[in-house]
Amino acid sequence: MIEYNRGDVVLVGFIFADETGIKRRPAVIVSSDTYHARRNETIIAAITSRIDRVLPGDHLINGWQGAGLLFPSVATSIIRIIKQGMITRKLGSMTTSDMEAVDDNLRLVLGL
């Protein structure tokens, strides 16, 4: 099995919130390396190319090209726990500053 790390941008099958379907989307791994190294699960945050609608908890990714994204994108505060086997492939990695902003936004929305 391929190992993924915190901050990796990956392609996954996202199940719609109303569970009516699945769409392949990019996401960033937000779980710690310790967490997903000892489990079959990984915690991810959804990424969208809808940069016209940045909501509380979202971060406009500055290093979107280095993250392997095709368009300017936003890391959202929509988080999911998925089985590591649901990851299709790695696209790239977030920069340190983008990942710090994602962390700050997750703390804000989770009240940590």
PDB file of N, CA and C in Angstrom:
ATOM      1  N   MET A   1       0.840  -1.186   0.000  1.00  0.00           N
ATOM      2  CA  MET A   1       0.000   0.000   0.000  1.00  0.00           C
ATOM      3  C   MET A   1       0.883   1.248   0.000  1.00  0.00           C
ATOM      4  N   ILE A   2       0.517   2.232  -0.798  1.00  0.00           N
ATOM      5  CA  ILE A   2       1.248   3.492  -0.855  1.00  0.00           C
ATOM      6  C   ILE A   2       0.994   4.269   0.424  1.00  0.00           C
ATOM      7  N   GLU A   3       2.040   4.871   0.958  1.00  0.00           N
ATOM      8  CA  GLU A   3       1.873   5.689   2.152  1.00  0.00           C
ATOM      9  C   GLU A   3       1.640   7.133   1.754  1.00  0.00           C
ATOM     10  N   TYR A   4       0.710   7.762   2.439  1.00  0.00           N
ATOM     11  CA  TYR A   4       0.401   9.168   2.218  1.00  0.00           C
ATOM     12  C   TYR A   4       0.728   9.932   3.485  1.00  0.00           C
ATOM     13  N   ASN A   5       1.044  11.209   3.328  1.00  0.00           N
ATOM     14  CA  ASN A   5       1.434  12.039   4.461  1.00  0.00           C
ATOM     15  C   ASN A   5       0.514  13.236   4.609  1.00  0.00           C
ATOM     16  N   ARG A   6       0.515  13.755   5.812  1.00  0.00           N
ATOM     17  CA  ARG A   6      -0.217  14.979   6.110  1.00  0.00           C
ATOM     18  C   ARG A   6       0.232  16.061   5.143  1.00  0.00           C
ATOM     19  N   GLY A   7      -0.717  16.765   4.540  1.00  0.00           N
ATOM     20  CA  GLY A   7      -0.405  17.816   3.584  1.00  0.00           C
ATOM     21  C   GLY A   7      -0.395  17.353   2.138  1.00  0.00           C
ATOM     22  N   ASP A   8      -0.461  16.030   1.918  1.00  0.00           N
ATOM     23  CA  ASP A   8      -0.548  15.529   0.551  1.00  0.00           C
ATOM     24  C   ASP A   8      -1.916  15.880  -0.031  1.00  0.00           C
ATOM     25  N   VAL A   9      -1.933  16.269  -1.286  1.00  0.00           N
ATOM     26  CA  VAL A   9      -3.178  16.486  -2.011  1.00  0.00           C
ATOM     27  C   VAL A   9      -3.418  15.220  -2.824  1.00  0.00           C
ATOM     28  N   VAL A  10      -4.584  14.630  -2.619  1.00  0.00           N
ATOM     29  CA  VAL A  10      -4.903  13.332  -3.215  1.00  0.00           C
ATOM     30  C   VAL A  10      -6.233  13.398  -3.948  1.00  0.00           C
ATOM     31  N   LEU A  11      -6.454  12.427  -4.814  1.00  0.00           N
ATOM     32  CA  LEU A  11      -7.717  12.296  -5.531  1.00  0.00           C
ATOM     33  C   LEU A  11      -8.511  11.175  -4.869  1.00  0.00           C
ATOM     34  N   VAL A  12      -9.756  11.479  -4.477  1.00  0.00           N
ATOM     35  CA  VAL A  12     -10.596  10.501  -3.775  1.00  0.00           C
ATOM     36  C   VAL A  12     -12.020  10.532  -4.326  1.00  0.00           C
ATOM     37  N   GLY A  13     -12.748   9.474  -4.090  1.00  0.00           N
ATOM     38  CA  GLY A  13     -14.170   9.439  -4.403  1.00  0.00           C
ATOM     39  C   GLY A  13     -14.944  10.020  -3.238  1.00  0.00           C
ATOM     40  N   PHE A  14     -15.496  11.228  -3.410  1.00  0.00           N
ATOM     41  CA  PHE A  14     -16.270  11.878  -2.347  1.00  0.00           C
ATOM     42  C   PHE A  14     -17.729  11.482  -2.462  1.00  0.00           C
ATOM     43  N   ILE A  15     -18.301  11.009  -1.379  1.00  0.00           N
ATOM     44  CA  ILE A  15     -19.727  10.700  -1.326  1.00  0.00           C
ATOM     45  C   ILE A  15     -20.461  12.001  -1.031  1.00  0.00           C
ATOM     46  N   PHE A  16     -21.507  12.303  -1.815  1.00  0.00           N
ATOM     47  CA  PHE A  16     -22.295  13.511  -1.587  1.00  0.00           C
ATOM     48  C   PHE A  16     -22.901  13.480  -0.190  1.00  0.00           C
ATOM     49  N   ALA A  17     -23.105  14.654   0.393  1.00  0.00           N
ATOM     50  CA  ALA A  17     -23.645  14.759   1.754  1.00  0.00           C
ATOM     51  C   ALA A  17     -24.988  14.041   1.883  1.00  0.00           C
ATOM     52  N   ASP A  18     -25.804  14.054   0.825  1.00  0.00           N
ATOM     53  CA  ASP A  18     -27.099  13.372   0.888  1.00  0.00           C
ATOM     54  C   ASP A  18     -27.001  11.906   0.441  1.00  0.00           C
ATOM     55  N   GLU A  19     -25.757  11.441   0.219  1.00  0.00           N
ATOM     56  CA  GLU A  19     -25.439  10.062  -0.137  1.00  0.00           C
ATOM     57  C   GLU A  19     -26.094   9.601  -1.433  1.00  0.00           C
ATOM     58  N   THR A  20     -26.335  10.536  -2.380  1.00  0.00           N
ATOM     59  CA  THR A  20     -26.964  10.173  -3.650  1.00  0.00           C
ATOM     60  C   THR A  20     -25.953   9.795  -4.726  1.00  0.00           C
ATOM     61  N   GLY A  21     -24.674   9.982  -4.459  1.00  0.00           N
ATOM     62  CA  GLY A  21     -23.684   9.637  -5.465  1.00  0.00           C
ATOM     63  C   GLY A  21     -22.271   9.912  -4.988  1.00  0.00           C
ATOM     64  N   ILE A  22     -21.321   9.635  -5.887  1.00  0.00           N
ATOM     65  CA  ILE A  22     -19.905   9.826  -5.595  1.00  0.00           C
ATOM     66  C   ILE A  22     -19.282  10.590  -6.754  1.00  0.00           C
ATOM     67  N   LYS A  23     -18.399  11.521  -6.423  1.00  0.00           N
ATOM     68  CA  LYS A  23     -17.671  12.253  -7.448  1.00  0.00           C
ATOM     69  C   LYS A  23     -16.199  12.280  -7.075  1.00  0.00           C
ATOM     70  N   ARG A  24     -15.346  12.035  -8.024  1.00  0.00           N
ATOM     71  CA  ARG A  24     -13.911  12.061  -7.776  1.00  0.00           C
ATOM     72  C   ARG A  24     -13.464  13.508  -7.632  1.00  0.00           C
ATOM     73  N   ARG A  25     -12.827  13.812  -6.483  1.00  0.00           N
ATOM     74  CA  ARG A  25     -12.438  15.181  -6.155  1.00  0.00           C
ATOM     75  C   ARG A  25     -11.076  15.191  -5.487  1.00  0.00           C
ATOM     76  N   PRO A  26     -10.393  16.323  -5.560  1.00  0.00           N
ATOM     77  CA  PRO A  26      -9.152  16.447  -4.803  1.00  0.00           C
ATOM     78  C   PRO A  26      -9.460  16.739  -3.337  1.00  0.00           C
ATOM     79  N   ALA A  27      -8.549  16.353  -2.483  1.00  0.00           N
ATOM     80  CA  ALA A  27      -8.666  16.607  -1.043  1.00  0.00           C
ATOM     81  C   ALA A  27      -7.257  16.703  -0.476  1.00  0.00           C
ATOM     82  N   VAL A  28      -7.155  17.321   0.693  1.00  0.00           N
ATOM     83  CA  VAL A  28      -5.865  17.394   1.372  1.00  0.00           C
ATOM     84  C   VAL A  28      -5.941  16.536   2.628  1.00  0.00           C
ATOM     85  N   ILE A  29      -4.891  15.777   2.877  1.00  0.00           N
ATOM     86  CA  ILE A  29      -4.836  14.945   4.081  1.00  0.00           C
ATOM     87  C   ILE A  29      -4.527  15.848   5.269  1.00  0.00           C
ATOM     88  N   VAL A  30      -5.413  15.833   6.268  1.00  0.00           N
ATOM     89  CA  VAL A  30      -5.229  16.671   7.461  1.00  0.00           C
ATOM     90  C   VAL A  30      -4.914  15.855   8.706  1.00  0.00           C
ATOM     91  N   SER A  31      -5.043  14.533   8.614  1.00  0.00           N
ATOM     92  CA  SER A  31      -4.686  13.699   9.768  1.00  0.00           C
ATOM     93  C   SER A  31      -3.170  13.656   9.909  1.00  0.00           C
ATOM     94  N   SER A  32      -2.730  13.426  11.138  1.00  0.00           N
ATOM     95  CA  SER A  32      -1.292  13.347  11.389  1.00  0.00           C
ATOM     96  C   SER A  32      -0.738  12.046  10.834  1.00  0.00           C
ATOM     97  N   ASP A  33       0.538  12.043  10.550  1.00  0.00           N
ATOM     98  CA  ASP A  33       1.175  10.826  10.062  1.00  0.00           C
ATOM     99  C   ASP A  33       1.017   9.696  11.073  1.00  0.00           C
ATOM    100  N   THR A  34       1.073  10.009  12.361  1.00  0.00           N
ATOM    101  CA  THR A  34       0.886   9.007  13.412  1.00  0.00           C
ATOM    102  C   THR A  34      -0.515   8.404  13.342  1.00  0.00           C
ATOM    103  N   TYR A  35      -1.524   9.250  13.115  1.00  0.00           N
ATOM    104  CA  TYR A  35      -2.912   8.781  13.041  1.00  0.00           C
ATOM    105  C   TYR A  35      -3.103   7.782  11.908  1.00  0.00           C
ATOM    106  N   HIS A  36      -2.745   8.164  10.699  1.00  0.00           N
ATOM    107  CA  HIS A  36      -3.073   7.263   9.596  1.00  0.00           C
ATOM    108  C   HIS A  36      -2.035   6.168   9.377  1.00  0.00           C
ATOM    109  N   ALA A  37      -0.907   6.247  10.032  1.00  0.00           N
ATOM    110  CA  ALA A  37       0.056   5.144   9.952  1.00  0.00           C
ATOM    111  C   ALA A  37      -0.422   3.946  10.770  1.00  0.00           C
ATOM    112  N   ARG A  38      -1.228   4.203  11.794  1.00  0.00           N
ATOM    113  CA  ARG A  38      -1.681   3.132  12.671  1.00  0.00           C
ATOM    114  C   ARG A  38      -3.127   2.738  12.429  1.00  0.00           C
ATOM    115  N   ARG A  39      -3.747   3.332  11.434  1.00  0.00           N
ATOM    116  CA  ARG A  39      -5.141   3.043  11.119  1.00  0.00           C
ATOM    117  C   ARG A  39      -5.289   2.801   9.624  1.00  0.00           C
ATOM    118  N   ASN A  40      -6.433   2.285   9.247  1.00  0.00           N
ATOM    119  CA  ASN A  40      -6.771   2.143   7.834  1.00  0.00           C
ATOM    120  C   ASN A  40      -7.466   3.390   7.295  1.00  0.00           C
ATOM    121  N   GLU A  41      -7.705   4.361   8.164  1.00  0.00           N
ATOM    122  CA  GLU A  41      -8.433   5.562   7.784  1.00  0.00           C
ATOM    123  C   GLU A  41      -7.491   6.764   7.665  1.00  0.00           C
ATOM    124  N   THR A  42      -7.959   7.758   6.918  1.00  0.00           N
ATOM    125  CA  THR A  42      -7.269   9.024   6.757  1.00  0.00           C
ATOM    126  C   THR A  42      -8.312  10.128   6.849  1.00  0.00           C
ATOM    127  N   ILE A  43      -7.977  11.220   7.506  1.00  0.00           N
ATOM    128  CA  ILE A  43      -8.889  12.363   7.605  1.00  0.00           C
ATOM    129  C   ILE A  43      -8.495  13.356   6.515  1.00  0.00           C
ATOM    130  N   ILE A  44      -9.491  13.739   5.715  1.00  0.00           N
ATOM    131  CA  ILE A  44      -9.227  14.637   4.590  1.00  0.00           C
ATOM    132  C   ILE A  44     -10.147  15.853   4.641  1.00  0.00           C
ATOM    133  N   ALA A  45      -9.715  16.930   3.986  1.00  0.00           N
ATOM    134  CA  ALA A  45     -10.550  18.113   3.777  1.00  0.00           C
ATOM    135  C   ALA A  45     -10.735  18.275   2.272  1.00  0.00           C
ATOM    136  N   ALA A  46     -11.963  18.531   1.866  1.00  0.00           N
ATOM    137  CA  ALA A  46     -12.291  18.670   0.449  1.00  0.00           C
ATOM    138  C   ALA A  46     -11.640  19.914  -0.146  1.00  0.00           C
ATOM    139  N   ILE A  47     -11.316  19.819  -1.421  1.00  0.00           N
ATOM    140  CA  ILE A  47     -10.783  20.947  -2.187  1.00  0.00           C
ATOM    141  C   ILE A  47     -11.737  21.215  -3.333  1.00  0.00           C
ATOM    142  N   THR A  48     -12.014  22.488  -3.588  1.00  0.00           N
ATOM    143  CA  THR A  48     -12.901  22.871  -4.684  1.00  0.00           C
ATOM    144  C   THR A  48     -12.247  23.957  -5.534  1.00  0.00           C
ATOM    145  N   SER A  49     -12.643  24.013  -6.789  1.00  0.00           N
ATOM    146  CA  SER A  49     -12.155  25.081  -7.664  1.00  0.00           C
ATOM    147  C   SER A  49     -13.108  26.278  -7.665  1.00  0.00           C
ATOM    148  N   ARG A  50     -14.131  26.237  -6.821  1.00  0.00           N
ATOM    149  CA  ARG A  50     -15.089  27.361  -6.685  1.00  0.00           C
ATOM    150  C   ARG A  50     -14.458  28.462  -5.843  1.00  0.00           C
ATOM    151  N   ILE A  51     -13.558  29.231  -6.442  1.00  0.00           N
ATOM    152  CA  ILE A  51     -12.845  30.272  -5.692  1.00  0.00           C
ATOM    153  C   ILE A  51     -13.688  31.537  -5.518  1.00  0.00           C
ATOM    154  N   ASP A  52     -14.845  31.595  -6.168  1.00  0.00           N
ATOM    155  CA  ASP A  52     -15.731  32.744  -6.025  1.00  0.00           C
ATOM    156  C   ASP A  52     -16.550  32.678  -4.738  1.00  0.00           C
ATOM    157  N   ARG A  53     -16.452  31.558  -4.023  1.00  0.00           N
ATOM    158  CA  ARG A  53     -17.266  31.377  -2.820  1.00  0.00           C
ATOM    159  C   ARG A  53     -16.397  30.806  -1.707  1.00  0.00           C
ATOM    160  N   VAL A  54     -15.620  31.669  -1.071  1.00  0.00           N
ATOM    161  CA  VAL A  54     -14.776  31.256   0.051  1.00  0.00           C
ATOM    162  C   VAL A  54     -15.574  31.491   1.333  1.00  0.00           C
ATOM    163  N   LEU A  55     -15.909  30.417   2.013  1.00  0.00           N
ATOM    164  CA  LEU A  55     -16.746  30.472   3.210  1.00  0.00           C
ATOM    165  C   LEU A  55     -15.881  30.419   4.464  1.00  0.00           C
ATOM    166  N   PRO A  56     -16.465  30.734   5.635  1.00  0.00           N
ATOM    167  CA  PRO A  56     -15.689  30.636   6.880  1.00  0.00           C
ATOM    168  C   PRO A  56     -15.080  29.237   7.017  1.00  0.00           C
ATOM    169  N   GLY A  57     -13.799  29.189   7.322  1.00  0.00           N
ATOM    170  CA  GLY A  57     -13.095  27.927   7.458  1.00  0.00           C
ATOM    171  C   GLY A  57     -12.398  27.490   6.188  1.00  0.00           C
ATOM    172  N   ASP A  58     -12.625  28.198   5.074  1.00  0.00           N
ATOM    173  CA  ASP A  58     -12.004  27.857   3.801  1.00  0.00           C
ATOM    174  C   ASP A  58     -10.703  28.638   3.616  1.00  0.00           C
ATOM    175  N   HIS A  59      -9.807  28.093   2.801  1.00  0.00           N
ATOM    176  CA  HIS A  59      -8.521  28.759   2.515  1.00  0.00           C
ATOM    177  C   HIS A  59      -8.236  28.713   1.026  1.00  0.00           C
ATOM    178  N   LEU A  60      -8.019  29.894   0.426  1.00  0.00           N
ATOM    179  CA  LEU A  60      -7.623  29.990  -0.967  1.00  0.00           C
ATOM    180  C   LEU A  60      -6.168  29.543  -1.069  1.00  0.00           C
ATOM    181  N   ILE A  61      -5.923  28.470  -1.778  1.00  0.00           N
ATOM    182  CA  ILE A  61      -4.597  27.848  -1.838  1.00  0.00           C
ATOM    183  C   ILE A  61      -3.673  28.686  -2.722  1.00  0.00           C
ATOM    184  N   ASN A  62      -2.605  29.198  -2.131  1.00  0.00           N
ATOM    185  CA  ASN A  62      -1.639  30.002  -2.885  1.00  0.00           C
ATOM    186  C   ASN A  62      -0.798  29.135  -3.809  1.00  0.00           C
ATOM    187  N   GLY A  63      -0.335  27.999  -3.323  1.00  0.00           N
ATOM    188  CA  GLY A  63       0.526  27.113  -4.106  1.00  0.00           C
ATOM    189  C   GLY A  63      -0.244  26.013  -4.799  1.00  0.00           C
ATOM    190  N   TRP A  64      -1.329  26.377  -5.473  1.00  0.00           N
ATOM    191  CA  TRP A  64      -2.218  25.368  -6.066  1.00  0.00           C
ATOM    192  C   TRP A  64      -1.537  24.541  -7.155  1.00  0.00           C
ATOM    193  N   GLN A  65      -0.637  25.136  -7.918  1.00  0.00           N
ATOM    194  CA  GLN A  65       0.023  24.371  -8.985  1.00  0.00           C
ATOM    195  C   GLN A  65       0.973  23.324  -8.407  1.00  0.00           C
ATOM    196  N   GLY A  66       1.744  23.701  -7.381  1.00  0.00           N
ATOM    197  CA  GLY A  66       2.645  22.757  -6.730  1.00  0.00           C
ATOM    198  C   GLY A  66       1.904  21.651  -5.996  1.00  0.00           C
ATOM    199  N   ALA A  67       0.640  21.939  -5.665  1.00  0.00           N
ATOM    200  CA  ALA A  67      -0.195  20.936  -5.004  1.00  0.00           C
ATOM    201  C   ALA A  67      -0.789  19.960  -6.015  1.00  0.00           C
ATOM    202  N   GLY A  68      -0.479  20.166  -7.299  1.00  0.00           N
ATOM    203  CA  GLY A  68      -0.963  19.256  -8.336  1.00  0.00           C
ATOM    204  C   GLY A  68      -2.364  19.544  -8.811  1.00  0.00           C
ATOM    205  N   LEU A  69      -2.868  20.747  -8.499  1.00  0.00           N
ATOM    206  CA  LEU A  69      -4.228  21.108  -8.894  1.00  0.00           C
ATOM    207  C   LEU A  69      -4.217  21.781 -10.263  1.00  0.00           C
ATOM    208  N   LEU A  70      -5.267  21.594 -11.030  1.00  0.00           N
ATOM    209  CA  LEU A  70      -5.335  22.128 -12.384  1.00  0.00           C
ATOM    210  C   LEU A  70      -5.781  23.580 -12.433  1.00  0.00           C
ATOM    211  N   PHE A  71      -6.465  24.034 -11.378  1.00  0.00           N
ATOM    212  CA  PHE A  71      -7.039  25.380 -11.337  1.00  0.00           C
ATOM    213  C   PHE A  71      -6.802  25.990  -9.961  1.00  0.00           C
ATOM    214  N   PRO A  72      -6.869  27.322  -9.853  1.00  0.00           N
ATOM    215  CA  PRO A  72      -6.871  27.928  -8.517  1.00  0.00           C
ATOM    216  C   PRO A  72      -7.977  27.261  -7.698  1.00  0.00           C
ATOM    217  N   SER A  73      -7.676  26.964  -6.438  1.00  0.00           N
ATOM    218  CA  SER A  73      -8.602  26.161  -5.642  1.00  0.00           C
ATOM    219  C   SER A  73      -8.653  26.607  -4.192  1.00  0.00           C
ATOM    220  N   VAL A  74      -9.660  26.099  -3.498  1.00  0.00           N
ATOM    221  CA  VAL A  74      -9.904  26.398  -2.094  1.00  0.00           C
ATOM    222  C   VAL A  74      -9.926  25.095  -1.303  1.00  0.00           C
ATOM    223  N   ALA A  75      -9.165  25.061  -0.208  1.00  0.00           N
ATOM    224  CA  ALA A  75      -9.267  23.953   0.746  1.00  0.00           C
ATOM    225  C   ALA A  75     -10.416  24.303   1.680  1.00  0.00           C
ATOM    226  N   THR A  76     -11.425  23.460   1.710  1.00  0.00           N
ATOM    227  CA  THR A  76     -12.620  23.748   2.510  1.00  0.00           C
ATOM    228  C   THR A  76     -12.498  23.143   3.909  1.00  0.00           C
ATOM    229  N   SER A  77     -13.444  23.499   4.747  1.00  0.00           N
ATOM    230  CA  SER A  77     -13.501  22.891   6.082  1.00  0.00           C
ATOM    231  C   SER A  77     -14.469  21.705   6.089  1.00  0.00           C
ATOM    232  N   ILE A  78     -14.771  21.185   4.911  1.00  0.00           N
ATOM    233  CA  ILE A  78     -15.592  19.976   4.794  1.00  0.00           C
ATOM    234  C   ILE A  78     -14.651  18.794   4.974  1.00  0.00           C
ATOM    235  N   ILE A  79     -14.761  18.132   6.125  1.00  0.00           N
ATOM    236  CA  ILE A  79     -13.836  17.048   6.431  1.00  0.00           C
ATOM    237  C   ILE A  79     -14.568  15.702   6.410  1.00  0.00           C
ATOM    238  N   ARG A  80     -13.815  14.680   6.045  1.00  0.00           N
ATOM    239  CA  ARG A  80     -14.328  13.314   5.985  1.00  0.00           C
ATOM    240  C   ARG A  80     -13.250  12.366   6.486  1.00  0.00           C
ATOM    241  N   ILE A  81     -13.688  11.243   6.976  1.00  0.00           N
ATOM    242  CA  ILE A  81     -12.781  10.147   7.297  1.00  0.00           C
ATOM    243  C   ILE A  81     -13.033   9.084   6.237  1.00  0.00           C
ATOM    244  N   ILE A  82     -11.962   8.687   5.556  1.00  0.00           N
ATOM    245  CA  ILE A  82     -12.094   7.687   4.491  1.00  0.00           C
ATOM    246  C   ILE A  82     -11.112   6.552   4.737  1.00  0.00           C
ATOM    247  N   LYS A  83     -11.386   5.422   4.138  1.00  0.00           N
ATOM    248  CA  LYS A  83     -10.428   4.324   4.134  1.00  0.00           C
ATOM    249  C   LYS A  83      -9.278   4.715   3.216  1.00  0.00           C
ATOM    250  N   GLN A  84      -8.047   4.387   3.604  1.00  0.00           N
ATOM    251  CA  GLN A  84      -6.893   4.758   2.789  1.00  0.00           C
ATOM    252  C   GLN A  84      -6.992   4.169   1.378  1.00  0.00           C
ATOM    253  N   GLY A  85      -7.644   3.037   1.242  1.00  0.00           N
ATOM    254  CA  GLY A  85      -7.819   2.422  -0.062  1.00  0.00           C
ATOM    255  C   GLY A  85      -8.712   3.207  -1.011  1.00  0.00           C
ATOM    256  N   MET A  86      -9.434   4.208  -0.503  1.00  0.00           N
ATOM    257  CA  MET A  86     -10.289   5.044  -1.342  1.00  0.00           C
ATOM    258  C   MET A  86      -9.497   6.127  -2.070  1.00  0.00           C
ATOM    259  N   ILE A  87      -8.232   6.287  -1.706  1.00  0.00           N
ATOM    260  CA  ILE A  87      -7.390   7.277  -2.372  1.00  0.00           C
ATOM    261  C   ILE A  87      -6.966   6.715  -3.718  1.00  0.00           C
ATOM    262  N   THR A  88      -7.275   7.441  -4.780  1.00  0.00           N
ATOM    263  CA  THR A  88      -6.924   7.014  -6.131  1.00  0.00           C
ATOM    264  C   THR A  88      -5.447   7.230  -6.402  1.00  0.00           C
ATOM    265  N   ARG A  89      -4.971   8.452  -6.095  1.00  0.00           N
ATOM    266  CA  ARG A  89      -3.557   8.757  -6.303  1.00  0.00           C
ATOM    267  C   ARG A  89      -3.206  10.094  -5.667  1.00  0.00           C
ATOM    268  N   LYS A  90      -1.918  10.311  -5.501  1.00  0.00           N
ATOM    269  CA  LYS A  90      -1.404  11.575  -4.985  1.00  0.00           C
ATOM    270  C   LYS A  90      -1.237  12.539  -6.152  1.00  0.00           C
ATOM    271  N   LEU A  91      -1.686  13.795  -5.940  1.00  0.00           N
ATOM    272  CA  LEU A  91      -1.548  14.828  -6.962  1.00  0.00           C
ATOM    273  C   LEU A  91      -0.337  15.718  -6.705  1.00  0.00           C
ATOM    274  N   GLY A  92      -0.062  15.996  -5.433  1.00  0.00           N
ATOM    275  CA  GLY A  92       1.016  16.897  -5.041  1.00  0.00           C
ATOM    276  C   GLY A  92       0.981  17.102  -3.543  1.00  0.00           C
ATOM    277  N   SER A  93       1.563  18.194  -3.087  1.00  0.00           N
ATOM    278  CA  SER A  93       1.586  18.503  -1.651  1.00  0.00           C
ATOM    279  C   SER A  93       1.353  19.982  -1.426  1.00  0.00           C
ATOM    280  N   MET A  94       0.748  20.300  -0.302  1.00  0.00           N
ATOM    281  CA  MET A  94       0.521  21.693   0.087  1.00  0.00           C
ATOM    282  C   MET A  94       1.838  22.300   0.553  1.00  0.00           C
ATOM    283  N   THR A  95       1.989  23.603   0.343  1.00  0.00           N
ATOM    284  CA  THR A  95       3.142  24.302   0.905  1.00  0.00           C
ATOM    285  C   THR A  95       2.956  24.406   2.414  1.00  0.00           C
ATOM    286  N   THR A  96       4.038  24.683   3.110  1.00  0.00           N
ATOM    287  CA  THR A  96       3.957  24.833   4.566  1.00  0.00           C
ATOM    288  C   THR A  96       2.991  25.945   4.942  1.00  0.00           C
ATOM    289  N   SER A  97       3.057  27.087   4.255  1.00  0.00           N
ATOM    290  CA  SER A  97       2.184  28.210   4.603  1.00  0.00           C
ATOM    291  C   SER A  97       0.714  27.899   4.301  1.00  0.00           C
ATOM    292  N   ASP A  98       0.440  27.205   3.204  1.00  0.00           N
ATOM    293  CA  ASP A  98      -0.949  26.818   2.920  1.00  0.00           C
ATOM    294  C   ASP A  98      -1.456  25.841   3.975  1.00  0.00           C
ATOM    295  N   MET A  99      -0.625  24.896   4.383  1.00  0.00           N
ATOM    296  CA  MET A  99      -1.047  23.913   5.383  1.00  0.00           C
ATOM    297  C   MET A  99      -1.272  24.578   6.738  1.00  0.00           C
ATOM    298  N   GLU A 100      -0.456  25.553   7.090  1.00  0.00           N
ATOM    299  CA  GLU A 100      -0.660  26.292   8.341  1.00  0.00           C
ATOM    300  C   GLU A 100      -1.998  27.029   8.311  1.00  0.00           C
ATOM    301  N   ALA A 101      -2.355  27.598   7.167  1.00  0.00           N
ATOM    302  CA  ALA A 101      -3.645  28.281   7.041  1.00  0.00           C
ATOM    303  C   ALA A 101      -4.803  27.289   7.151  1.00  0.00           C
ATOM    304  N   VAL A 102      -4.663  26.105   6.550  1.00  0.00           N
ATOM    305  CA  VAL A 102      -5.688  25.060   6.679  1.00  0.00           C
ATOM    306  C   VAL A 102      -5.848  24.687   8.150  1.00  0.00           C
ATOM    307  N   ASP A 103      -4.733  24.502   8.853  1.00  0.00           N
ATOM    308  CA  ASP A 103      -4.779  24.172  10.280  1.00  0.00           C
ATOM    309  C   ASP A 103      -5.498  25.257  11.075  1.00  0.00           C
ATOM    310  N   ASP A 104      -5.164  26.513  10.808  1.00  0.00           N
ATOM    311  CA  ASP A 104      -5.808  27.627  11.514  1.00  0.00           C
ATOM    312  C   ASP A 104      -7.315  27.630  11.281  1.00  0.00           C
ATOM    313  N   ASN A 105      -7.725  27.383  10.046  1.00  0.00           N
ATOM    314  CA  ASN A 105      -9.154  27.364   9.728  1.00  0.00           C
ATOM    315  C   ASN A 105      -9.872  26.180  10.367  1.00  0.00           C
ATOM    316  N   LEU A 106      -9.222  25.028  10.419  1.00  0.00           N
ATOM    317  CA  LEU A 106      -9.834  23.874  11.083  1.00  0.00           C
ATOM    318  C   LEU A 106      -9.999  24.134  12.582  1.00  0.00           C
ATOM    319  N   ARG A 107      -8.985  24.749  13.193  1.00  0.00           N
ATOM    320  CA  ARG A 107      -9.117  25.111  14.615  1.00  0.00           C
ATOM    321  C   ARG A 107     -10.294  26.049  14.820  1.00  0.00           C
ATOM    322  N   LEU A 108     -10.467  27.019  13.914  1.00  0.00           N
ATOM    323  CA  LEU A 108     -11.568  27.990  14.007  1.00  0.00           C
ATOM    324  C   LEU A 108     -12.918  27.285  13.931  1.00  0.00           C
ATOM    325  N   VAL A 109     -13.118  26.448  12.916  1.00  0.00           N
ATOM    326  CA  VAL A 109     -14.439  25.840  12.730  1.00  0.00           C
ATOM    327  C   VAL A 109     -14.743  24.741  13.749  1.00  0.00           C
ATOM    328  N   LEU A 110     -13.686  24.118  14.286  1.00  0.00           N
ATOM    329  CA  LEU A 110     -13.895  23.058  15.285  1.00  0.00           C
ATOM    330  C   LEU A 110     -13.852  23.584  16.715  1.00  0.00           C
ATOM    331  N   GLY A 111     -13.538  24.867  16.881  1.00  0.00           N
ATOM    332  CA  GLY A 111     -13.498  25.460  18.212  1.00  0.00           C
ATOM    333  C   GLY A 111     -12.348  24.937  19.057  1.00  0.00           C
ATOM    334  N   LEU A 112     -11.197  24.671  18.439  1.00  0.00           N
ATOM    335  CA  LEU A 112     -10.034  24.133  19.160  1.00  0.00           C
ATOM    336  C   LEU A 112      -9.060  25.232  19.532  1.00  0.00           C
TER     337      LEU A 112
END
